[in-house]
Amino acid sequence: MRLDKYLKVSRLIKRRTVANEACDGGRVSINGKTAKASAEVRPGDTIELAFGERRVRVEVISVDEHATKSDAPAMYREI
């Protein structure tokens, strides 16, 4: 699955356009490398997001095309 879509489906970022902008701005990395919005996300990958002073690191557990609000947190684990 594309990184921007994963960020939206997992609800780490609310909107896909915002996820695209974060990737274009270099604020998202996968496994320690800056990632583009089109990068593929697989289970086991580590995603790091930079929101101003705050950094969020998560490990991808599952990649689902659709997730309800209650199922979304099960897609990743905070590190």
Protein backbone atom coordinates (compact mmCIF):
# COMPACT_ATOMS: atom_id res chain seq x y z
CA MET A 1 0.00 0.00 0.00
CA ARG A 2 1.17 3.55 -0.67
CA LEU A 3 2.52 5.44 2.33
CA ASP A 4 0.09 8.36 2.05
CA LYS A 5 -2.89 6.01 1.91
CA TYR A 6 -1.60 3.96 4.87
CA LEU A 7 -1.21 7.11 6.99
CA LYS A 8 -4.82 8.05 6.23
CA VAL A 9 -6.37 4.57 6.68
CA SER A 10 -4.49 4.02 9.96
CA ARG A 11 -5.58 7.50 11.06
CA LEU A 12 -2.05 8.62 11.91
CA ILE A 13 -2.85 11.62 9.67
CA LYS A 14 -6.45 12.73 9.06
CA ARG A 15 -6.38 13.45 5.33
CA ARG A 16 -4.48 11.96 2.43
CA THR A 17 -3.56 15.39 1.04
CA VAL A 18 -2.00 16.30 4.40
CA ALA A 19 -0.10 12.99 4.33
CA ASN A 20 1.15 13.87 0.83
CA GLU A 21 2.35 17.27 2.01
CA ALA A 22 4.12 15.74 5.01
CA CYS A 23 5.94 13.29 2.72
CA ASP A 24 6.87 16.03 0.24
CA GLY A 25 8.19 18.14 3.12
CA GLY A 26 10.52 15.35 4.27
CA ARG A 27 8.74 14.86 7.61
CA VAL A 28 8.06 11.13 7.10
CA SER A 29 10.61 8.33 6.99
CA ILE A 30 10.40 4.56 6.59
CA ASN A 31 13.10 2.45 8.19
CA GLY A 32 15.31 5.53 8.69
CA LYS A 33 15.10 6.83 5.11
CA THR A 34 13.06 9.84 4.01
CA ALA A 35 10.09 8.52 2.07
CA LYS A 36 7.93 9.76 -0.77
CA ALA A 37 4.14 9.46 -0.67
CA SER A 38 4.30 6.65 -3.23
CA ALA A 39 6.64 4.45 -1.13
CA GLU A 40 5.32 0.96 -0.39
CA VAL A 41 4.47 0.11 3.22
CA ARG A 42 4.78 -3.49 4.42
CA PRO A 43 4.24 -5.17 7.79
CA GLY A 44 7.38 -4.85 9.91
CA ASP A 45 8.36 -1.41 8.55
CA THR A 46 9.09 1.42 11.00
CA ILE A 47 7.51 4.77 10.15
CA GLU A 48 8.66 7.99 11.82
CA LEU A 49 6.57 11.17 11.62
CA ALA A 50 7.77 14.63 12.65
CA PHE A 51 5.05 17.04 13.83
CA GLY A 52 6.95 20.18 14.83
CA GLU A 53 8.75 19.32 18.06
CA ARG A 54 6.94 15.98 18.43
CA ARG A 55 8.18 12.76 16.82
CA VAL A 56 6.06 9.64 16.50
CA ARG A 57 7.60 6.23 15.71
CA VAL A 58 5.34 3.31 14.86
CA GLU A 59 5.85 -0.25 13.64
CA VAL A 60 3.47 -1.41 10.92
CA ILE A 61 1.58 -4.51 12.05
CA SER A 62 -0.94 -4.88 9.24
CA VAL A 63 -1.80 -3.22 5.95
CA ASP A 64 -5.56 -3.13 5.31
CA GLU A 65 -7.32 -1.29 2.49
CA HIS A 66 -10.13 -0.16 4.81
CA ALA A 67 -10.34 0.14 8.58
CA THR A 68 -13.00 1.42 10.92
CA LYS A 69 -12.14 3.98 13.54
CA SER A 70 -11.95 1.29 16.22
CA ASP A 71 -9.80 -1.05 14.06
CA ALA A 72 -7.26 1.58 12.95
CA PRO A 73 -5.04 1.49 16.08
CA ALA A 74 -4.54 -2.27 15.55
CA MET A 75 -2.70 -1.51 12.29
CA TYR A 76 0.39 -0.19 14.09
CA ARG A 77 2.27 -0.26 17.37
CA GLU A 78 3.93 2.80 18.89
CA ILE A 79 7.61 2.43 19.64
